[in-house]
C-alpha atoms as a PDB file:
ATOM      1  CA  MET A   1      -7.375  -3.808  73.040  1.00  0.00           C
ATOM      2  CA  THR A   2      -9.941  -6.349  71.839  1.00  0.00           C
ATOM      3  CA  VAL A   3     -11.092  -5.860  68.253  1.00  0.00           C
ATOM      4  CA  ARG A   4     -14.766  -6.713  68.094  1.00  0.00           C
ATOM      5  CA  LYS A   5     -15.984  -8.975  65.338  1.00  0.00           C
ATOM      6  CA  ARG A   6     -18.309  -7.416  62.797  1.00  0.00           C
ATOM      7  CA  THR A   7     -21.691  -9.109  62.906  1.00  0.00           C
ATOM      8  CA  ALA A   8     -24.757  -8.912  60.676  1.00  0.00           C
ATOM      9  CA  VAL A   9     -28.250 -10.113  61.564  1.00  0.00           C
ATOM     10  CA  VAL A  10     -30.294 -11.748  58.805  1.00  0.00           C
ATOM     11  CA  GLY A  11     -33.990 -12.057  59.612  1.00  0.00           C
ATOM     12  CA  LEU A  12     -35.580  -9.299  61.676  1.00  0.00           C
ATOM     13  CA  GLY A  13     -38.509 -11.095  63.273  1.00  0.00           C
ATOM     14  CA  HIS A  14     -39.230 -11.487  66.978  1.00  0.00           C
ATOM     15  CA  GLN A  15     -36.156 -13.616  67.717  1.00  0.00           C
ATOM     16  CA  ALA A  16     -33.814 -11.003  66.286  1.00  0.00           C
ATOM     17  CA  THR A  17     -35.483  -7.904  67.687  1.00  0.00           C
ATOM     18  CA  SER A  18     -36.076  -9.298  71.183  1.00  0.00           C
ATOM     19  CA  ASP A  19     -32.894 -11.370  71.618  1.00  0.00           C
ATOM     20  CA  HIS A  20     -30.071 -11.000  69.137  1.00  0.00           C
ATOM     21  CA  LEU A  21     -30.086  -7.252  68.517  1.00  0.00           C
ATOM     22  CA  PRO A  22     -30.307  -6.352  72.235  1.00  0.00           C
ATOM     23  CA  GLY A  23     -27.742  -9.078  72.914  1.00  0.00           C
ATOM     24  CA  LEU A  24     -25.255  -7.552  70.509  1.00  0.00           C
ATOM     25  CA  GLY A  25     -25.526  -4.314  72.445  1.00  0.00           C
ATOM     26  CA  GLN A  26     -24.282  -6.167  75.537  1.00  0.00           C
ATOM     27  CA  CYS A  27     -21.508  -8.157  73.841  1.00  0.00           C
ATOM     28  CA  HIS A  28     -17.849  -7.727  74.693  1.00  0.00           C
ATOM     29  CA  LEU A  29     -16.511  -9.373  71.540  1.00  0.00           C
ATOM     30  CA  ALA A  30     -18.925  -8.468  68.724  1.00  0.00           C
ATOM     31  CA  GLU A  31     -20.674  -5.432  67.282  1.00  0.00           C
ATOM     32  CA  LEU A  32     -23.552  -4.970  64.863  1.00  0.00           C
ATOM     33  CA  ALA A  33     -22.421  -4.032  61.344  1.00  0.00           C
ATOM     34  CA  GLY A  34     -25.586  -4.544  59.270  1.00  0.00           C
ATOM     35  CA  VAL A  35     -29.075  -6.016  59.077  1.00  0.00           C
ATOM     36  CA  CYS A  36     -31.101  -7.789  56.415  1.00  0.00           C
ATOM     37  CA  ASP A  37     -34.691  -8.910  55.881  1.00  0.00           C
ATOM     38  CA  VAL A  38     -37.090  -9.324  52.966  1.00  0.00           C
ATOM     39  CA  ASP A  39     -39.388  -6.736  54.583  1.00  0.00           C
ATOM     40  CA  ALA A  40     -37.988  -3.371  53.431  1.00  0.00           C
ATOM     41  CA  SER A  41     -39.970  -1.373  55.987  1.00  0.00           C
ATOM     42  CA  GLN A  42     -38.660  -3.511  58.847  1.00  0.00           C
ATOM     43  CA  VAL A  43     -35.127  -3.177  57.521  1.00  0.00           C
ATOM     44  CA  ALA A  44     -35.450   0.618  57.371  1.00  0.00           C
ATOM     45  CA  ALA A  45     -36.787   0.838  60.914  1.00  0.00           C
ATOM     46  CA  VAL A  46     -34.169  -1.443  62.474  1.00  0.00           C
ATOM     47  CA  ALA A  47     -31.279   0.035  60.474  1.00  0.00           C
ATOM     48  CA  ASP A  48     -32.296   3.518  61.575  1.00  0.00           C
ATOM     49  CA  THR A  49     -32.620   2.500  65.219  1.00  0.00           C
ATOM     50  CA  HIS A  50     -29.174   0.884  65.303  1.00  0.00           C
ATOM     51  CA  GLN A  51     -27.501   3.233  62.830  1.00  0.00           C
ATOM     52  CA  VAL A  52     -26.186   0.461  60.548  1.00  0.00           C
ATOM     53  CA  PRO A  53     -26.728  -0.250  56.851  1.00  0.00           C
ATOM     54  CA  GLY A  54     -29.799  -2.294  55.943  1.00  0.00           C
ATOM     55  CA  PHE A  55     -30.408  -4.699  53.071  1.00  0.00           C
ATOM     56  CA  THR A  56     -33.186  -6.813  51.590  1.00  0.00           C
ATOM     57  CA  ASP A  57     -30.763  -9.169  49.833  1.00  0.00           C
ATOM     58  CA  VAL A  58     -28.277 -11.257  51.817  1.00  0.00           C
ATOM     59  CA  GLU A  59     -25.690 -11.401  49.026  1.00  0.00           C
ATOM     60  CA  HIS A  60     -25.599  -7.611  48.839  1.00  0.00           C
ATOM     61  CA  LEU A  61     -25.117  -7.457  52.595  1.00  0.00           C
ATOM     62  CA  LEU A  62     -22.239  -9.939  52.464  1.00  0.00           C
ATOM     63  CA  LYS A  63     -20.473  -8.036  49.681  1.00  0.00           C
ATOM     64  CA  GLN A  64     -20.893  -4.549  51.106  1.00  0.00           C
ATOM     65  CA  VAL A  65     -20.632  -5.127  54.852  1.00  0.00           C
ATOM     66  CA  ARG A  66     -18.176  -8.063  54.769  1.00  0.00           C
ATOM     67  CA  PRO A  67     -19.065  -9.255  58.281  1.00  0.00           C
ATOM     68  CA  ASP A  68     -16.977 -11.747  60.229  1.00  0.00           C
ATOM     69  CA  PHE A  69     -20.115 -13.747  60.931  1.00  0.00           C
ATOM     70  CA  VAL A  70     -23.854 -13.618  60.437  1.00  0.00           C
ATOM     71  CA  ILE A  71     -26.615 -14.396  62.917  1.00  0.00           C
ATOM     72  CA  VAL A  72     -29.312 -16.208  60.920  1.00  0.00           C
ATOM     73  CA  ALA A  73     -32.826 -15.915  62.395  1.00  0.00           C
ATOM     74  CA  VAL A  74     -35.025 -16.553  59.368  1.00  0.00           C
ATOM     75  CA  PRO A  75     -38.066 -18.829  58.879  1.00  0.00           C
ATOM     76  CA  HIS A  76     -36.999 -22.460  58.699  1.00  0.00           C
ATOM     77  CA  HIS A  77     -37.512 -22.868  54.957  1.00  0.00           C
ATOM     78  CA  ALA A  78     -35.250 -19.882  54.214  1.00  0.00           C
ATOM     79  CA  GLY A  79     -32.304 -21.066  56.289  1.00  0.00           C
ATOM     80  CA  ARG A  80     -30.611 -23.188  53.639  1.00  0.00           C
ATOM     81  CA  GLU A  81     -30.321 -20.340  51.130  1.00  0.00           C
ATOM     82  CA  VAL A  82     -28.897 -17.913  53.683  1.00  0.00           C
ATOM     83  CA  VAL A  83     -26.369 -20.392  55.090  1.00  0.00           C
ATOM     84  CA  ALA A  84     -25.284 -21.356  51.570  1.00  0.00           C
ATOM     85  CA  ALA A  85     -24.735 -17.704  50.642  1.00  0.00           C
ATOM     86  CA  CYS A  86     -22.651 -17.156  53.768  1.00  0.00           C
ATOM     87  CA  ALA A  87     -20.608 -20.298  53.150  1.00  0.00           C
ATOM     88  CA  GLU A  88     -19.844 -19.314  49.566  1.00  0.00           C
ATOM     89  CA  ALA A  89     -18.687 -15.921  50.852  1.00  0.00           C
ATOM     90  CA  GLY A  90     -16.545 -17.511  53.567  1.00  0.00           C
ATOM     91  CA  VAL A  91     -18.621 -15.922  56.339  1.00  0.00           C
ATOM     92  CA  HIS A  92     -19.207 -17.846  59.565  1.00  0.00           C
ATOM     93  CA  VAL A  93     -22.764 -18.494  60.798  1.00  0.00           C
ATOM     94  CA  MET A  94     -24.535 -18.531  64.129  1.00  0.00           C
ATOM     95  CA  LYS A  95     -27.943 -20.039  63.349  1.00  0.00           C
ATOM     96  CA  GLU A  96     -31.237 -20.286  65.168  1.00  0.00           C
ATOM     97  CA  LYS A  97     -32.549 -23.836  65.418  1.00  0.00           C
ATOM     98  CA  PRO A  98     -33.318 -26.035  63.596  1.00  0.00           C
ATOM     99  CA  PHE A  99     -30.092 -26.666  61.748  1.00  0.00           C
ATOM    100  CA  ALA A 100     -32.022 -27.958  58.727  1.00  0.00           C
ATOM    101  CA  THR A 101     -35.522 -28.988  57.691  1.00  0.00           C
ATOM    102  CA  ASP A 102     -34.676 -32.561  56.652  1.00  0.00           C
ATOM    103  CA  PRO A 103     -31.732 -35.016  56.629  1.00  0.00           C
ATOM    104  CA  HIS A 104     -30.774 -34.275  53.008  1.00  0.00           C
ATOM    105  CA  GLU A 105     -30.548 -30.542  53.692  1.00  0.00           C
ATOM    106  CA  ALA A 106     -28.629 -31.186  56.917  1.00  0.00           C
ATOM    107  CA  ALA A 107     -26.038 -33.341  55.147  1.00  0.00           C
ATOM    108  CA  GLU A 108     -25.741 -30.842  52.301  1.00  0.00           C
ATOM    109  CA  LEU A 109     -25.171 -27.909  54.643  1.00  0.00           C
ATOM    110  CA  ALA A 110     -22.713 -29.854  56.805  1.00  0.00           C
ATOM    111  CA  ALA A 111     -20.696 -30.760  53.709  1.00  0.00           C
ATOM    112  CA  LEU A 112     -20.805 -27.156  52.483  1.00  0.00           C
ATOM    113  CA  CYS A 113     -19.564 -25.815  55.829  1.00  0.00           C
ATOM    114  CA  ASP A 114     -16.757 -28.355  55.774  1.00  0.00           C
ATOM    115  CA  LYS A 115     -15.816 -27.549  52.180  1.00  0.00           C
ATOM    116  CA  THR A 116     -15.753 -23.789  52.702  1.00  0.00           C
ATOM    117  CA  GLU A 117     -14.172 -24.132  56.168  1.00  0.00           C
ATOM    118  CA  ILE A 118     -16.688 -21.930  57.932  1.00  0.00           C
ATOM    119  CA  GLU A 119     -17.823 -22.395  61.515  1.00  0.00           C
ATOM    120  CA  LEU A 120     -21.541 -22.831  62.097  1.00  0.00           C
ATOM    121  CA  MET A 121     -23.057 -22.930  65.567  1.00  0.00           C
ATOM    122  CA  VAL A 122     -26.722 -23.711  66.221  1.00  0.00           C
ATOM    123  CA  THR A 123     -28.146 -21.741  69.143  1.00  0.00           C
ATOM    124  CA  VAL A 124     -29.579 -24.520  71.292  1.00  0.00           C
ATOM    125  CA  GLN A 125     -29.283 -22.542  74.521  1.00  0.00           C
ATOM    126  CA  ARG A 126     -29.268 -25.485  76.918  1.00  0.00           C
ATOM    127  CA  ARG A 127     -25.847 -26.522  75.618  1.00  0.00           C
ATOM    128  CA  PHE A 128     -24.514 -23.245  77.002  1.00  0.00           C
ATOM    129  CA  HIS A 129     -26.421 -23.132  80.306  1.00  0.00           C
ATOM    130  CA  PRO A 130     -24.178 -24.454  83.133  1.00  0.00           C
ATOM    131  CA  VAL A 131     -26.834 -26.674  84.746  1.00  0.00           C
ATOM    132  CA  TYR A 132     -27.377 -28.892  81.697  1.00  0.00           C
ATOM    133  CA  PRO A 133     -23.738 -29.950  81.149  1.00  0.00           C
ATOM    134  CA  ALA A 134     -23.312 -30.419  84.904  1.00  0.00           C
ATOM    135  CA  ALA A 135     -26.322 -32.751  84.974  1.00  0.00           C
ATOM    136  CA  LEU A 136     -24.329 -35.273  82.941  1.00  0.00           C
ATOM    137  CA  ALA A 137     -22.213 -35.991  86.021  1.00  0.00           C
ATOM    138  CA  LEU A 138     -25.373 -36.804  87.985  1.00  0.00           C
ATOM    139  CA  LEU A 139     -26.645 -39.016  85.165  1.00  0.00           C
ATOM    140  CA  GLU A 140     -23.781 -41.424  85.788  1.00  0.00           C
ATOM    141  CA  ARG A 141     -25.094 -42.108  89.281  1.00  0.00           C
ATOM    142  CA  ILE A 142     -28.484 -43.587  88.351  1.00  0.00           C
ATOM    143  CA  GLY A 143     -27.055 -46.693  86.662  1.00  0.00           C
ATOM    144  CA  ASP A 144     -28.059 -47.891  83.213  1.00  0.00           C
ATOM    145  CA  PRO A 145     -31.205 -45.911  82.293  1.00  0.00           C
ATOM    146  CA  TYR A 146     -34.373 -47.825  81.511  1.00  0.00           C
ATOM    147  CA  LEU A 147     -36.977 -45.032  81.348  1.00  0.00           C
ATOM    148  CA  VAL A 148     -36.992 -41.518  79.892  1.00  0.00           C
ATOM    149  CA  GLU A 149     -39.884 -39.050  80.027  1.00  0.00           C
ATOM    150  CA  GLY A 150     -39.829 -35.617  78.448  1.00  0.00           C
ATOM    151  CA  ARG A 151     -42.415 -32.856  78.335  1.00  0.00           C
ATOM    152  CA  TYR A 152     -42.282 -29.402  76.759  1.00  0.00           C
ATOM    153  CA  THR A 153     -45.597 -27.558  76.558  1.00  0.00           C
ATOM    154  CA  PHE A 154     -47.020 -24.052  76.549  1.00  0.00           C
ATOM    155  CA  HIS A 155     -50.144 -22.316  75.294  1.00  0.00           C
ATOM    156  CA  CYS A 156     -49.804 -20.347  72.065  1.00  0.00           C
ATOM    157  CA  PRO A 157     -52.977 -18.319  71.366  1.00  0.00           C
ATOM    158  CA  ASP A 158     -52.847 -19.113  67.644  1.00  0.00           C
ATOM    159  CA  PRO A 159     -50.721 -22.169  66.685  1.00  0.00           C
ATOM    160  CA  ALA A 160     -52.039 -21.826  63.123  1.00  0.00           C
ATOM    161  CA  ALA A 161     -50.556 -18.373  62.574  1.00  0.00           C
ATOM    162  CA  GLY A 162     -47.938 -17.545  59.961  1.00  0.00           C
ATOM    163  CA  TRP A 163     -45.378 -19.814  58.386  1.00  0.00           C
ATOM    164  CA  ARG A 164     -45.161 -21.929  61.563  1.00  0.00           C
ATOM    165  CA  GLY A 165     -48.634 -23.265  60.775  1.00  0.00           C
ATOM    166  CA  ARG A 166     -47.505 -24.667  57.416  1.00  0.00           C
ATOM    167  CA  ALA A 167     -45.515 -27.886  57.627  1.00  0.00           C
ATOM    168  CA  LYS A 168     -43.825 -27.405  54.253  1.00  0.00           C
ATOM    169  CA  LEU A 169     -42.343 -24.059  55.295  1.00  0.00           C
ATOM    170  CA  ALA A 170     -41.539 -24.971  58.902  1.00  0.00           C
ATOM    171  CA  GLY A 171     -40.238 -28.482  58.207  1.00  0.00           C
ATOM    172  CA  GLY A 172     -42.859 -29.746  60.645  1.00  0.00           C
ATOM    173  CA  GLY A 173     -44.795 -28.320  63.560  1.00  0.00           C
ATOM    174  CA  CYS A 174     -44.140 -28.079  67.280  1.00  0.00           C
ATOM    175  CA  LEU A 175     -41.862 -31.128  67.246  1.00  0.00           C
ATOM    176  CA  ALA A 176     -39.440 -29.539  64.758  1.00  0.00           C
ATOM    177  CA  ASP A 177     -39.735 -26.079  66.291  1.00  0.00           C
ATOM    178  CA  MET A 178     -39.891 -25.812  70.096  1.00  0.00           C
ATOM    179  CA  GLY A 179     -39.496 -29.581  70.401  1.00  0.00           C
ATOM    180  CA  TYR A 180     -36.031 -29.286  68.885  1.00  0.00           C
ATOM    181  CA  HIS A 181     -34.710 -28.205  72.297  1.00  0.00           C
ATOM    182  CA  LEU A 182     -36.109 -31.304  74.023  1.00  0.00           C
ATOM    183  CA  ILE A 183     -34.812 -33.551  71.242  1.00  0.00           C
ATOM    184  CA  ASP A 184     -31.397 -31.919  71.588  1.00  0.00           C
ATOM    185  CA  LEU A 185     -31.310 -32.797  75.288  1.00  0.00           C
ATOM    186  CA  LEU A 186     -32.402 -36.374  74.619  1.00  0.00           C
ATOM    187  CA  LEU A 187     -29.744 -36.968  71.968  1.00  0.00           C
ATOM    188  CA  TRP A 188     -27.044 -35.184  73.969  1.00  0.00           C
ATOM    189  CA  TYR A 189     -27.688 -37.247  77.093  1.00  0.00           C
ATOM    190  CA  LEU A 190     -28.761 -40.609  75.677  1.00  0.00           C
ATOM    191  CA  GLY A 191     -27.961 -40.757  71.971  1.00  0.00           C
ATOM    192  CA  LEU A 192     -30.184 -41.542  69.002  1.00  0.00           C
ATOM    193  CA  PRO A 193     -33.008 -44.028  69.732  1.00  0.00           C
ATOM    194  CA  ASP A 194     -33.284 -47.219  67.701  1.00  0.00           C
ATOM    195  CA  ARG A 195     -37.022 -46.809  67.169  1.00  0.00           C
ATOM    196  CA  VAL A 196     -39.505 -43.938  67.365  1.00  0.00           C
ATOM    197  CA  LEU A 197     -43.271 -43.956  66.954  1.00  0.00           C
ATOM    198  CA  ALA A 198     -44.981 -40.591  66.700  1.00  0.00           C
ATOM    199  CA  THR A 199     -48.574 -39.440  66.909  1.00  0.00           C
ATOM    200  CA  VAL A 200     -49.239 -35.853  65.844  1.00  0.00           C
ATOM    201  CA  SER A 201     -52.310 -33.636  65.657  1.00  0.00           C
ATOM    202  CA  ALA A 202     -53.352 -30.170  64.510  1.00  0.00           C
ATOM    203  CA  ALA A 203     -56.662 -29.991  66.332  1.00  0.00           C
ATOM    204  CA  ALA A 204     -56.269 -27.180  68.861  1.00  0.00           C
ATOM    205  CA  VAL A 205     -58.027 -24.612  66.649  1.00  0.00           C
ATOM    206  CA  PRO A 206     -61.101 -26.278  65.073  1.00  0.00           C
ATOM    207  CA  GLY A 207     -61.785 -25.020  61.577  1.00  0.00           C
ATOM    208  CA  ALA A 208     -58.390 -23.360  61.151  1.00  0.00           C
ATOM    209  CA  ALA A 209     -56.431 -24.169  58.009  1.00  0.00           C
ATOM    210  CA  TYR A 210     -53.050 -25.368  59.238  1.00  0.00           C
ATOM    211  CA  ASP A 211     -51.188 -28.655  58.892  1.00  0.00           C
ATOM    212  CA  ALA A 212     -48.136 -28.199  61.133  1.00  0.00           C
ATOM    213  CA  GLU A 213     -48.865 -30.184  64.276  1.00  0.00           C
ATOM    214  CA  ASP A 214     -49.567 -28.292  67.477  1.00  0.00           C
ATOM    215  CA  THR A 215     -49.156 -31.440  69.591  1.00  0.00           C
ATOM    216  CA  ALA A 216     -46.904 -34.485  69.240  1.00  0.00           C
ATOM    217  CA  LEU A 217     -46.315 -37.597  71.325  1.00  0.00           C
ATOM    218  CA  VAL A 218     -43.219 -39.615  70.434  1.00  0.00           C
ATOM    219  CA  HIS A 219     -42.563 -43.065  71.891  1.00  0.00           C
ATOM    220  CA  LEU A 220     -38.890 -44.020  72.091  1.00  0.00           C
ATOM    221  CA  ALA A 221     -37.056 -47.334  72.300  1.00  0.00           C
ATOM    222  CA  TYR A 222     -33.361 -48.236  72.510  1.00  0.00           C
ATOM    223  CA  ASP A 223     -31.940 -51.695  71.935  1.00  0.00           C
ATOM    224  CA  SER A 224     -30.356 -51.416  75.396  1.00  0.00           C
ATOM    225  CA  GLY A 225     -33.823 -51.702  76.944  1.00  0.00           C
ATOM    226  CA  LEU A 226     -34.300 -47.985  77.553  1.00  0.00           C
ATOM    227  CA  TYR A 227     -37.722 -46.723  76.504  1.00  0.00           C
ATOM    228  CA  GLY A 228     -40.003 -43.770  77.101  1.00  0.00           C
ATOM    229  CA  SER A 229     -41.753 -40.833  75.450  1.00  0.00           C
ATOM    230  CA  LEU A 230     -41.652 -37.130  74.658  1.00  0.00           C
ATOM    231  CA  LEU A 231     -44.749 -34.914  74.748  1.00  0.00           C
ATOM    232  CA  VAL A 232     -44.519 -31.595  72.927  1.00  0.00           C
ATOM    233  CA  SER A 233     -47.367 -29.112  72.533  1.00  0.00           C
ATOM    234  CA  ARG A 234     -47.641 -25.432  71.681  1.00  0.00           C
ATOM    235  CA  SER A 235     -51.346 -25.400  72.467  1.00  0.00           C
ATOM    236  CA  ALA A 236     -51.601 -27.088  75.874  1.00  0.00           C
ATOM    237  CA  GLY A 237     -50.724 -25.083  78.968  1.00  0.00           C
ATOM    238  CA  PRO A 238     -49.341 -24.619  81.517  1.00  0.00           C
ATOM    239  CA  LYS A 239     -45.789 -23.985  80.389  1.00  0.00           C
ATOM    240  CA  THR A 240     -43.731 -27.002  81.354  1.00  0.00           C
ATOM    241  CA  GLU A 241     -40.227 -28.106  80.433  1.00  0.00           C
ATOM    242  CA  ARG A 242     -38.852 -31.281  81.991  1.00  0.00           C
ATOM    243  CA  LEU A 243     -36.736 -34.314  81.158  1.00  0.00           C
ATOM    244  CA  ALA A 244     -36.582 -37.249  83.573  1.00  0.00           C
ATOM    245  CA  ILE A 245     -34.249 -40.227  83.157  1.00  0.00           C
ATOM    246  CA  THR A 246     -34.617 -43.223  85.482  1.00  0.00           C
ATOM    247  CA  GLY A 247     -32.203 -46.045  86.255  1.00  0.00           C
ATOM    248  CA  PRO A 248     -31.956 -48.704  88.975  1.00  0.00           C
ATOM    249  CA  HIS A 249     -30.299 -46.291  91.409  1.00  0.00           C
ATOM    250  CA  GLY A 250     -32.603 -43.322  90.961  1.00  0.00           C
ATOM    251  CA  THR A 251     -33.850 -40.600  88.633  1.00  0.00           C
ATOM    252  CA  LEU A 252     -32.265 -37.502  87.137  1.00  0.00           C
ATOM    253  CA  THR A 253     -34.691 -34.656  86.430  1.00  0.00           C
ATOM    254  CA  VAL A 254     -33.717 -31.549  84.498  1.00  0.00           C
ATOM    255  CA  GLU A 255     -35.877 -28.457  84.324  1.00  0.00           C
ATOM    256  CA  ARG A 256     -35.152 -24.803  83.610  1.00  0.00           C
ATOM    257  CA  GLY A 257     -32.250 -23.852  85.823  1.00  0.00           C
ATOM    258  CA  ILE A 258     -32.333 -26.906  88.074  1.00  0.00           C
ATOM    259  CA  ALA A 259     -31.203 -30.530  87.979  1.00  0.00           C
ATOM    260  CA  ARG A 260     -32.156 -33.005  90.688  1.00  0.00           C
ATOM    261  CA  LEU A 261     -30.924 -36.461  91.561  1.00  0.00           C
ATOM    262  CA  LEU A 262     -33.665 -38.540  93.205  1.00  0.00           C
ATOM    263  CA  ASP A 263     -33.354 -41.867  94.972  1.00  0.00           C
ATOM    264  CA  PRO A 264     -35.529 -44.803  93.808  1.00  0.00           C
ATOM    265  CA  ALA A 265     -38.286 -43.657  96.191  1.00  0.00           C
ATOM    266  CA  GLY A 266     -38.336 -40.195  94.646  1.00  0.00           C
ATOM    267  CA  GLN A 267     -36.567 -38.315  97.449  1.00  0.00           C
ATOM    268  CA  VAL A 268     -34.092 -35.584  96.488  1.00  0.00           C
ATOM    269  CA  VAL A 269     -30.499 -36.682  97.078  1.00  0.00           C
ATOM    270  CA  GLU A 270     -28.733 -33.787  95.395  1.00  0.00           C
ATOM    271  CA  SER A 271     -29.640 -30.738  93.345  1.00  0.00           C
ATOM    272  CA  LEU A 272     -27.930 -28.203  91.129  1.00  0.00           C
ATOM    273  CA  VAL A 273     -29.630 -24.812  91.046  1.00  0.00           C
ATOM    274  CA  ARG A 274     -28.784 -21.652  89.170  1.00  0.00           C
ATOM    275  CA  GLU A 275     -30.503 -18.401  90.075  1.00  0.00           C
ATOM    276  CA  PRO A 276     -32.025 -16.755  88.251  1.00  0.00           C
ATOM    277  CA  ALA A 277     -33.113 -19.911  86.495  1.00  0.00           C
ATOM    278  CA  TRP A 278     -32.493 -18.771  82.939  1.00  0.00           C
ATOM    279  CA  PRO A 279     -29.545 -16.343  82.837  1.00  0.00           C
ATOM    280  CA  CYS A 280     -28.489 -17.538  79.400  1.00  0.00           C
ATOM    281  CA  PRO A 281     -28.563 -14.238  77.508  1.00  0.00           C
ATOM    282  CA  PRO A 282     -27.960 -14.001  73.759  1.00  0.00           C
ATOM    283  CA  ALA A 283     -24.859 -11.914  74.501  1.00  0.00           C
ATOM    284  CA  ALA A 284     -23.228 -14.925  76.172  1.00  0.00           C
ATOM    285  CA  LEU A 285     -23.878 -17.141  73.130  1.00  0.00           C
ATOM    286  CA  ILE A 286     -22.614 -14.497  70.717  1.00  0.00           C
ATOM    287  CA  ASP A 287     -19.430 -13.933  72.717  1.00  0.00           C
ATOM    288  CA  ARG A 288     -18.956 -17.712  72.932  1.00  0.00           C
ATOM    289  CA  PHE A 289     -19.129 -17.938  69.148  1.00  0.00           C
ATOM    290  CA  CYS A 290     -16.528 -15.176  68.885  1.00  0.00           C
ATOM    291  CA  ARG A 291     -14.234 -17.268  71.065  1.00  0.00           C
ATOM    292  CA  VAL A 292     -14.902 -20.277  68.845  1.00  0.00           C
ATOM    293  CA  LEU A 293     -13.814 -18.208  65.853  1.00  0.00           C
ATOM    294  CA  ASP A 294     -10.684 -17.091  67.740  1.00  0.00           C
ATOM    295  CA  GLY A 295      -9.836 -20.702  68.552  1.00  0.00           C
ATOM    296  CA  THR A 296     -10.110 -20.173  72.306  1.00  0.00           C
ATOM    297  CA  ALA A 297     -13.311 -22.202  72.768  1.00  0.00           C
ATOM    298  CA  VAL A 298     -14.811 -25.312  71.225  1.00  0.00           C
ATOM    299  CA  ASN A 299     -18.047 -25.356  69.265  1.00  0.00           C
ATOM    300  CA  PRO A 300     -20.449 -27.687  71.105  1.00  0.00           C
ATOM    301  CA  SER A 301     -23.237 -27.262  68.546  1.00  0.00           C
ATOM    302  CA  GLY A 302     -21.759 -27.605  65.076  1.00  0.00           C
ATOM    303  CA  PRO A 303     -23.245 -29.240  61.955  1.00  0.00           C
ATOM    304  CA  ALA A 304     -22.065 -32.769  62.801  1.00  0.00           C
ATOM    305  CA  GLU A 305     -23.836 -32.634  66.176  1.00  0.00           C
ATOM    306  CA  HIS A 306     -27.141 -31.818  64.456  1.00  0.00           C
ATOM    307  CA  LEU A 307     -27.301 -34.499  61.765  1.00  0.00           C
ATOM    308  CA  PRO A 308     -28.966 -36.889  64.284  1.00  0.00           C
ATOM    309  CA  HIS A 309     -31.616 -34.268  65.059  1.00  0.00           C
ATOM    310  CA  ALA A 310     -32.710 -34.184  61.428  1.00  0.00           C
ATOM    311  CA  ALA A 311     -32.769 -37.992  61.355  1.00  0.00           C
ATOM    312  CA  PHE A 312     -34.865 -38.159  64.543  1.00  0.00           C
ATOM    313  CA  LEU A 313     -37.416 -35.717  63.155  1.00  0.00           C
ATOM    314  CA  ALA A 314     -37.575 -37.467  59.783  1.00  0.00           C
ATOM    315  CA  ALA A 315     -38.189 -40.824  61.462  1.00  0.00           C
ATOM    316  CA  ALA A 316     -40.890 -39.364  63.716  1.00  0.00           C
ATOM    317  CA  TYR A 317     -42.713 -37.745  60.797  1.00  0.00           C
ATOM    318  CA  ALA A 318     -42.362 -40.916  58.703  1.00  0.00           C
ATOM    319  CA  SER A 319     -43.871 -43.039  61.455  1.00  0.00           C
ATOM    320  CA  ALA A 320     -46.881 -40.808  62.166  1.00  0.00           C
ATOM    321  CA  PRO A 321     -49.021 -41.611  59.086  1.00  0.00           C
ATOM    322  CA  THR A 322     -48.117 -45.313  59.097  1.00  0.00           C
ATOM    323  CA  HIS A 323     -48.613 -45.912  62.850  1.00  0.00           C
ATOM    324  CA  ARG A 324     -45.454 -48.013  62.694  1.00  0.00           C
ATOM    325  CA  PRO A 325     -42.079 -47.436  64.365  1.00  0.00           C
ATOM    326  CA  ALA A 326     -39.212 -46.017  62.315  1.00  0.00           C
ATOM    327  CA  ASP A 327     -35.458 -46.286  62.883  1.00  0.00           C
ATOM    328  CA  PRO A 328     -33.856 -42.818  62.952  1.00  0.00           C
ATOM    329  CA  LYS A 329     -30.499 -44.283  61.958  1.00  0.00           C
ATOM    330  CA  GLU A 330     -31.963 -45.148  58.578  1.00  0.00           C
ATOM    331  CA  PHE A 331     -32.503 -41.418  57.999  1.00  0.00           C
ATOM    332  CA  LEU A 332     -28.929 -40.383  58.710  1.00  0.00           C
ATOM    333  CA  ALA A 333     -27.822 -38.946  55.382  1.00  0.00           C
END
């Protein structure tokens, strides 16, 4: 009989209540053992609904519940403290993106995870969706890439709302938040660029007091000759998510649930489709992490894999006010 791993959820916002908590109810390998949030009323409501103990202090949760791992779904600026507390207690972590808010924090957390020998997995869902890994095989068929174009946009009614509208708390705006998924794909498929030049704006809500960009355009260049751009916006609809990589023998396009190989004229040569397009439920990620902890699966999204993400973001944000390119490799801590 399988003994389920005891899991606690820290941070009871939308991500936890709509994804992780329902996901735990569908898991085969994990069960909810406790919840934690700074909002006492939210803790009381969720704890009562799921019939588990609730806490407003993560260290108290770790001592009293003693979970096997914690799902961390807190605002970006609070992530470091929670991960550090878990590491010191020897408790493994499954963390919502981003891994860290800057390269220094990323290096510090990676070193701490290594020192305390805990597993940490960042929940970048595309790493676990079968179409995205399979697309790598198609990428080999286009030849040496020379152009990459990425776009991830949707319309958020109020991009200025809450902590996500404050760059200091969020570690940036749309580029560091939703854009993290597009950046993850870029780095996974093509590696860290040699130069980035970013333009950012927070102009979608005139008169609103927010400084975390709602729109970002990042130009990319590799010494190999590959170049291109990423457009990310949480204010401009319609919802679009697409990465296209072009080489002399064609183009690979990846969207939600589908990858296509196109010939140089743009005609579809081959496609990989999964239906429904996005059957990547939180339960699958949680069970995967349980298998990582059991040693029966590898962790494709650990701390080392996310150090380049922090460097990419730091270079983009450094370039924006200067209007000059920055080398992400110089920001690898």
